[in-house]
Amino acid sequence: MNHAPLLKKLVISVIGMFAFAFALVPLYDVFCEVTGLNGKPSLEQAQQSEHVDDSREVTVSFTTHAQSGAPFEVLAQKQEVVVKPGAMTVVTFAAANTSGEPRVMQAIPSVSPGLAAKYLHKLACFCFDQQPLQANERLEYQLRFYVDPALPQEYEELTLSYTLFDISAKRQDLLAAQAR
């Protein structure tokens, strides 16, 4: 019995699966960019709106959750705000490092519904930078944002959610600089 043709097909299949797995993340990113899905807001600082739409209101809710094992607590002082599209809004977040060691926190935002993400513009956000926190330190951060007046009428409620990651192992340089 000659198994060479079968072996050749199996090797080609394995190589094909590896190539597909390797290309999956970039393909997914392109798909999300084209369709507007995923709820990833831009991490670039927005410019202030020049027009306020007084004829309507949008409710923006805030949620936060830490990656499993990350020693951070972050809470918005207001769990939701009612805003007029185009009007600048400021919400304060209280952040705490609950561990006995200095840590670096990175907050990753997402907006729900995902198709509305491009209409929520942040001018100042703790998610723009990695945040070093000393042991048991508590700090306050301000989020300054507005909802674009071009937000389609069917969106009356948005949720801005932050996932908090402990990136201390990758950012020892930040911790050392802050300790000086």
C-alpha atoms as a PDB file:
ATOM      1  CA  MET A   1       0.000   0.000   0.000  1.00  0.00           C
ATOM      2  CA  ASN A   2       1.237   3.400  -0.973  1.00  0.00           C
ATOM      3  CA  HIS A   3       0.166   6.073   1.528  1.00  0.00           C
ATOM      4  CA  ALA A   4       2.125   8.894  -0.108  1.00  0.00           C
ATOM      5  CA  PRO A   5      -0.928  10.572  -1.754  1.00  0.00           C
ATOM      6  CA  LEU A   6      -2.860  10.483   1.529  1.00  0.00           C
ATOM      7  CA  LEU A   7       0.114  11.826   3.475  1.00  0.00           C
ATOM      8  CA  LYS A   8       0.544  14.611   0.929  1.00  0.00           C
ATOM      9  CA  LYS A   9      -3.128  15.625   1.287  1.00  0.00           C
ATOM     10  CA  LEU A  10      -2.876  15.586   5.087  1.00  0.00           C
ATOM     11  CA  VAL A  11       0.266  17.761   5.090  1.00  0.00           C
ATOM     12  CA  ILE A  12      -1.366  20.233   2.693  1.00  0.00           C
ATOM     13  CA  SER A  13      -4.474  20.302   4.925  1.00  0.00           C
ATOM     14  CA  VAL A  14      -2.396  21.017   8.041  1.00  0.00           C
ATOM     15  CA  ILE A  15      -0.490  23.809   6.266  1.00  0.00           C
ATOM     16  CA  GLY A  16      -3.780  25.245   4.995  1.00  0.00           C
ATOM     17  CA  MET A  17      -5.315  25.208   8.489  1.00  0.00           C
ATOM     18  CA  PHE A  18      -2.240  26.922   9.941  1.00  0.00           C
ATOM     19  CA  ALA A  19      -2.335  29.608   7.221  1.00  0.00           C
ATOM     20  CA  PHE A  20      -6.051  30.189   7.811  1.00  0.00           C
ATOM     21  CA  ALA A  21      -5.558  30.493  11.582  1.00  0.00           C
ATOM     22  CA  PHE A  22      -2.670  32.914  11.044  1.00  0.00           C
ATOM     23  CA  ALA A  23      -4.755  35.095   8.688  1.00  0.00           C
ATOM     24  CA  LEU A  24      -7.954  34.983  10.764  1.00  0.00           C
ATOM     25  CA  VAL A  25      -7.239  37.989  13.025  1.00  0.00           C
ATOM     26  CA  PRO A  26      -6.345  40.404  10.195  1.00  0.00           C
ATOM     27  CA  LEU A  27      -9.327  39.153   8.179  1.00  0.00           C
ATOM     28  CA  TYR A  28     -11.623  39.700  11.177  1.00  0.00           C
ATOM     29  CA  ASP A  29     -10.271  43.242  11.642  1.00  0.00           C
ATOM     30  CA  VAL A  30     -10.931  44.032   7.972  1.00  0.00           C
ATOM     31  CA  PHE A  31     -14.434  42.540   8.217  1.00  0.00           C
ATOM     32  CA  CYS A  32     -15.217  44.652  11.309  1.00  0.00           C
ATOM     33  CA  GLU A  33     -13.876  47.802   9.677  1.00  0.00           C
ATOM     34  CA  VAL A  34     -15.926  47.252   6.514  1.00  0.00           C
ATOM     35  CA  THR A  35     -19.167  46.349   8.306  1.00  0.00           C
ATOM     36  CA  GLY A  36     -18.823  48.739  11.259  1.00  0.00           C
ATOM     37  CA  LEU A  37     -19.376  45.876  13.677  1.00  0.00           C
ATOM     38  CA  ASN A  38     -17.371  45.115  16.824  1.00  0.00           C
ATOM     39  CA  GLY A  39     -18.131  48.205  18.929  1.00  0.00           C
ATOM     40  CA  LYS A  40     -14.532  49.382  19.023  1.00  0.00           C
ATOM     41  CA  PRO A  41     -14.528  53.141  19.401  1.00  0.00           C
ATOM     42  CA  SER A  42     -11.628  55.122  18.070  1.00  0.00           C
ATOM     43  CA  LEU A  43      -8.831  55.581  20.593  1.00  0.00           C
ATOM     44  CA  GLU A  44      -7.809  58.842  18.967  1.00  0.00           C
ATOM     45  CA  GLN A  45      -8.675  62.062  20.733  1.00  0.00           C
ATOM     46  CA  ALA A  46     -11.758  63.648  19.167  1.00  0.00           C
ATOM     47  CA  GLN A  47     -12.363  67.315  18.405  1.00  0.00           C
ATOM     48  CA  GLN A  48     -15.124  69.169  20.211  1.00  0.00           C
ATOM     49  CA  SER A  49     -18.514  69.289  18.499  1.00  0.00           C
ATOM     50  CA  GLU A  50     -19.706  72.655  17.248  1.00  0.00           C
ATOM     51  CA  HIS A  51     -23.412  71.774  17.074  1.00  0.00           C
ATOM     52  CA  VAL A  52     -25.739  70.664  19.871  1.00  0.00           C
ATOM     53  CA  ASP A  53     -29.009  68.936  18.981  1.00  0.00           C
ATOM     54  CA  ASP A  54     -31.443  70.191  21.646  1.00  0.00           C
ATOM     55  CA  SER A  55     -34.340  68.276  20.087  1.00  0.00           C
ATOM     56  CA  ARG A  56     -33.325  64.861  21.448  1.00  0.00           C
ATOM     57  CA  GLU A  57     -31.649  63.052  24.307  1.00  0.00           C
ATOM     58  CA  VAL A  58     -29.461  59.953  24.463  1.00  0.00           C
ATOM     59  CA  THR A  59     -28.818  57.880  27.591  1.00  0.00           C
ATOM     60  CA  VAL A  60     -25.202  56.766  27.998  1.00  0.00           C
ATOM     61  CA  SER A  61     -24.526  54.017  30.575  1.00  0.00           C
ATOM     62  CA  PHE A  62     -21.104  53.052  31.928  1.00  0.00           C
ATOM     63  CA  THR A  63     -19.872  49.614  32.929  1.00  0.00           C
ATOM     64  CA  THR A  64     -16.440  48.361  33.933  1.00  0.00           C
ATOM     65  CA  HIS A  65     -15.023  44.946  34.641  1.00  0.00           C
ATOM     66  CA  ALA A  66     -11.512  43.739  35.331  1.00  0.00           C
ATOM     67  CA  GLN A  67      -9.757  40.913  33.561  1.00  0.00           C
ATOM     68  CA  SER A  68      -9.725  37.800  35.727  1.00  0.00           C
ATOM     69  CA  GLY A  69      -7.130  38.329  38.432  1.00  0.00           C
ATOM     70  CA  ALA A  70      -6.533  42.023  37.678  1.00  0.00           C
ATOM     71  CA  PRO A  71      -6.464  43.936  40.994  1.00  0.00           C
ATOM     72  CA  PHE A  72      -8.391  46.985  39.804  1.00  0.00           C
ATOM     73  CA  GLU A  73     -11.705  48.543  40.693  1.00  0.00           C
ATOM     74  CA  VAL A  74     -13.000  51.329  38.474  1.00  0.00           C
ATOM     75  CA  LEU A  75     -16.442  52.834  38.894  1.00  0.00           C
ATOM     76  CA  ALA A  76     -18.159  55.764  37.225  1.00  0.00           C
ATOM     77  CA  GLN A  77     -19.513  58.223  39.776  1.00  0.00           C
ATOM     78  CA  LYS A  78     -22.667  58.319  37.642  1.00  0.00           C
ATOM     79  CA  GLN A  79     -23.740  54.962  36.224  1.00  0.00           C
ATOM     80  CA  GLU A  80     -25.594  56.713  33.410  1.00  0.00           C
ATOM     81  CA  VAL A  81     -26.055  60.201  32.033  1.00  0.00           C
ATOM     82  CA  VAL A  82     -28.651  61.699  29.725  1.00  0.00           C
ATOM     83  CA  VAL A  83     -26.990  63.873  27.098  1.00  0.00           C
ATOM     84  CA  LYS A  84     -27.966  66.028  24.168  1.00  0.00           C
ATOM     85  CA  PRO A  85     -26.053  65.027  21.023  1.00  0.00           C
ATOM     86  CA  GLY A  86     -23.164  67.416  20.480  1.00  0.00           C
ATOM     87  CA  ALA A  87     -23.061  68.610  24.102  1.00  0.00           C
ATOM     88  CA  MET A  88     -19.804  68.050  25.978  1.00  0.00           C
ATOM     89  CA  THR A  89     -20.228  65.786  29.016  1.00  0.00           C
ATOM     90  CA  VAL A  90     -17.782  65.044  31.831  1.00  0.00           C
ATOM     91  CA  VAL A  91     -17.997  61.896  33.965  1.00  0.00           C
ATOM     92  CA  THR A  92     -15.559  61.102  36.768  1.00  0.00           C
ATOM     93  CA  PHE A  93     -14.293  57.565  37.297  1.00  0.00           C
ATOM     94  CA  ALA A  94     -12.739  56.418  40.577  1.00  0.00           C
ATOM     95  CA  ALA A  95      -9.957  53.862  40.095  1.00  0.00           C
ATOM     96  CA  ALA A  96      -8.214  51.758  42.718  1.00  0.00           C
ATOM     97  CA  ASN A  97      -5.321  49.331  42.752  1.00  0.00           C
ATOM     98  CA  THR A  98      -6.460  46.801  45.352  1.00  0.00           C
ATOM     99  CA  SER A  99      -3.146  44.952  45.469  1.00  0.00           C
ATOM    100  CA  GLY A 100      -0.213  45.562  47.768  1.00  0.00           C
ATOM    101  CA  GLU A 101       2.102  46.152  44.793  1.00  0.00           C
ATOM    102  CA  PRO A 102       2.431  48.886  42.153  1.00  0.00           C
ATOM    103  CA  ARG A 103       0.519  47.970  38.987  1.00  0.00           C
ATOM    104  CA  VAL A 104      -0.115  49.345  35.500  1.00  0.00           C
ATOM    105  CA  MET A 105      -3.713  49.358  34.260  1.00  0.00           C
ATOM    106  CA  GLN A 106      -4.883  49.543  30.660  1.00  0.00           C
ATOM    107  CA  ALA A 107      -8.570  50.183  30.012  1.00  0.00           C
ATOM    108  CA  ILE A 108      -9.994  48.999  26.685  1.00  0.00           C
ATOM    109  CA  PRO A 109     -13.301  50.639  25.723  1.00  0.00           C
ATOM    110  CA  SER A 110     -16.167  49.236  23.708  1.00  0.00           C
ATOM    111  CA  VAL A 111     -19.524  50.716  22.781  1.00  0.00           C
ATOM    112  CA  SER A 112     -22.817  48.920  22.487  1.00  0.00           C
ATOM    113  CA  PRO A 113     -24.640  48.775  20.134  1.00  0.00           C
ATOM    114  CA  GLY A 114     -21.538  48.308  18.019  1.00  0.00           C
ATOM    115  CA  LEU A 115     -22.840  50.268  15.036  1.00  0.00           C
ATOM    116  CA  ALA A 116     -23.114  53.369  17.257  1.00  0.00           C
ATOM    117  CA  ALA A 117     -19.440  53.266  18.321  1.00  0.00           C
ATOM    118  CA  LYS A 118     -18.348  55.746  15.677  1.00  0.00           C
ATOM    119  CA  TYR A 119     -20.763  58.344  17.094  1.00  0.00           C
ATOM    120  CA  LEU A 120     -19.322  58.445  20.619  1.00  0.00           C
ATOM    121  CA  HIS A 121     -16.308  60.776  20.663  1.00  0.00           C
ATOM    122  CA  LYS A 122     -13.920  60.972  23.616  1.00  0.00           C
ATOM    123  CA  LEU A 123     -11.819  64.120  24.125  1.00  0.00           C
ATOM    124  CA  ALA A 124     -10.188  62.948  27.363  1.00  0.00           C
ATOM    125  CA  CYS A 125     -10.168  59.381  28.625  1.00  0.00           C
ATOM    126  CA  PHE A 126      -8.094  57.262  30.979  1.00  0.00           C
ATOM    127  CA  CYS A 127      -8.190  54.663  28.203  1.00  0.00           C
ATOM    128  CA  PHE A 128      -5.893  56.810  26.028  1.00  0.00           C
ATOM    129  CA  ASP A 129      -2.894  55.976  28.237  1.00  0.00           C
ATOM    130  CA  GLN A 130      -1.620  53.193  30.426  1.00  0.00           C
ATOM    131  CA  GLN A 131      -2.250  54.135  34.055  1.00  0.00           C
ATOM    132  CA  PRO A 132       0.385  53.336  36.708  1.00  0.00           C
ATOM    133  CA  LEU A 133      -1.116  52.941  40.189  1.00  0.00           C
ATOM    134  CA  GLN A 134       0.856  52.494  43.392  1.00  0.00           C
ATOM    135  CA  ALA A 135      -0.054  49.814  45.951  1.00  0.00           C
ATOM    136  CA  ASN A 136      -3.584  50.447  47.286  1.00  0.00           C
ATOM    137  CA  GLU A 137      -3.688  53.809  45.479  1.00  0.00           C
ATOM    138  CA  ARG A 138      -7.004  55.434  44.576  1.00  0.00           C
ATOM    139  CA  LEU A 139      -7.225  58.029  41.807  1.00  0.00           C
ATOM    140  CA  GLU A 140      -9.919  59.850  39.879  1.00  0.00           C
ATOM    141  CA  TYR A 141      -9.984  60.182  36.115  1.00  0.00           C
ATOM    142  CA  GLN A 142     -12.250  62.300  33.961  1.00  0.00           C
ATOM    143  CA  LEU A 143     -13.914  61.133  30.797  1.00  0.00           C
ATOM    144  CA  ARG A 144     -14.882  64.018  28.508  1.00  0.00           C
ATOM    145  CA  PHE A 145     -17.044  62.993  25.585  1.00  0.00           C
ATOM    146  CA  TYR A 146     -19.931  63.892  23.335  1.00  0.00           C
ATOM    147  CA  VAL A 147     -22.374  61.935  21.224  1.00  0.00           C
ATOM    148  CA  ASP A 148     -22.254  62.993  17.586  1.00  0.00           C
ATOM    149  CA  PRO A 149     -25.468  64.743  16.446  1.00  0.00           C
ATOM    150  CA  ALA A 150     -25.318  62.490  13.351  1.00  0.00           C
ATOM    151  CA  LEU A 151     -26.198  59.486  15.573  1.00  0.00           C
ATOM    152  CA  PRO A 152     -29.187  57.806  13.881  1.00  0.00           C
ATOM    153  CA  GLN A 153     -32.524  58.435  15.606  1.00  0.00           C
ATOM    154  CA  GLU A 154     -33.085  54.761  16.474  1.00  0.00           C
ATOM    155  CA  TYR A 155     -30.215  54.863  18.994  1.00  0.00           C
ATOM    156  CA  GLU A 156     -31.589  56.266  22.230  1.00  0.00           C
ATOM    157  CA  GLU A 157     -29.304  54.324  24.585  1.00  0.00           C
ATOM    158  CA  LEU A 158     -25.574  53.608  24.395  1.00  0.00           C
ATOM    159  CA  THR A 159     -23.349  51.665  26.773  1.00  0.00           C
ATOM    160  CA  LEU A 160     -19.679  52.529  27.145  1.00  0.00           C
ATOM    161  CA  SER A 161     -17.926  49.561  28.702  1.00  0.00           C
ATOM    162  CA  TYR A 162     -14.328  49.322  29.882  1.00  0.00           C
ATOM    163  CA  THR A 163     -12.374  46.112  30.351  1.00  0.00           C
ATOM    164  CA  LEU A 164      -9.407  46.614  32.678  1.00  0.00           C
ATOM    165  CA  PHE A 165      -6.167  44.731  32.096  1.00  0.00           C
ATOM    166  CA  ASP A 166      -3.126  44.379  34.334  1.00  0.00           C
ATOM    167  CA  ILE A 167      -0.148  45.032  32.046  1.00  0.00           C
ATOM    168  CA  SER A 168       2.412  45.455  34.840  1.00  0.00           C
ATOM    169  CA  ALA A 169       4.661  42.666  33.577  1.00  0.00           C
ATOM    170  CA  LYS A 170       5.026  44.445  30.233  1.00  0.00           C
ATOM    171  CA  ARG A 171       5.458  47.959  31.669  1.00  0.00           C
ATOM    172  CA  GLN A 172       8.037  47.762  34.453  1.00  0.00           C
ATOM    173  CA  ASP A 173       9.583  50.934  32.968  1.00  0.00           C
ATOM    174  CA  LEU A 174       6.441  52.944  33.844  1.00  0.00           C
ATOM    175  CA  LEU A 175       6.442  51.633  37.393  1.00  0.00           C
ATOM    176  CA  ALA A 176      10.142  52.454  37.823  1.00  0.00           C
ATOM    177  CA  ALA A 177       9.676  55.990  36.458  1.00  0.00           C
ATOM    178  CA  GLN A 178       6.734  56.649  38.776  1.00  0.00           C
ATOM    179  CA  ALA A 179       8.660  55.361  41.810  1.00  0.00           C
ATOM    180  CA  ARG A 180      11.401  58.007  41.321  1.00  0.00           C
END
